[in-house]
Amino acid sequence: MTELTADRRRYTGKEINRKRRAEGKIPGVIYGKGIETRSIEFQRKPLEKFLDTARRGTVVVKMTVQDGAEGKESYAVLKETQSHPLTGRVTHVDFYEVALGKKFRVEVPLRIKGKAVGIEMGGVLDVVTRSLEVECTPDHVPEFLDLDVTSLGIGDALRLADVGFPEGVVPTEKDLRMTLAAVHTPKAEAAPAVVEETVAAEGAEGASVAEPGAKEEKPEKEAKKKE
């Protein structure tokens, strides 16, 4: 099991954190259900070495937090990292404390294996989800859950019931019919709509049009009344 050492952090604020990072320290927190959230800091090099191979939420570490002369040991999983937008170097980490022998919930990534036969037939592989939430004890957390898509033809799908979960690991989702990956027929591109030109009728709608050569009919004069 990976081991990490951190120091209890008593300071707060952006300026002091920036100064500590320049000195090779990385701030973080460790928290958990029913326990006090503690501010901590790590030496940059050992933390970055751990992060190079760790996967969020799937690696349990033995954490020793030094608080002066005292050190407290616990077990935790990496929950979140923050990085500098330009350099990409880690600037903050969050760990979630867990108890050995006690079940907890954690997201485990799916690892897609193989090439679906439906792709050779012109189909498209659609991976619906990239991870699954499972419940297990810290010593049973898998690094990956494998999903072999090799046998999928067009119209086929892999569902939650098709996943082989290790002993002691159960999904929190109870609907075993939930689709995880499927091969679909590619959607045909819509043909461009043909716009028919409409010839405007001559004259205003509802107006009468006189025929060529027709004389305009004049109203008859009223006959003079006889005296």
Foldseek 3Di string as FASTA:
>chain_A
DAEFEKEFDDDDDDVVLVVVVVVQKAWEWEEEPPDDITIIIGRNVVVVVCVVPADAFQAKYWYWYDYDPDIDTFIWGWHDWDADPPPRRTRYTYIYTFHAPDKDKTKAFEDEDADAPQVVVQWDKDFPDGIFIKIAGNVQRDNYWYDYRHDAHAPDFQFQLNTDGDPRIGTPDPPRRHTGMHIHHDDDDDDDDDDDDDDDDPDDPPDDDDDPPDDDDDDDDDDDDDD
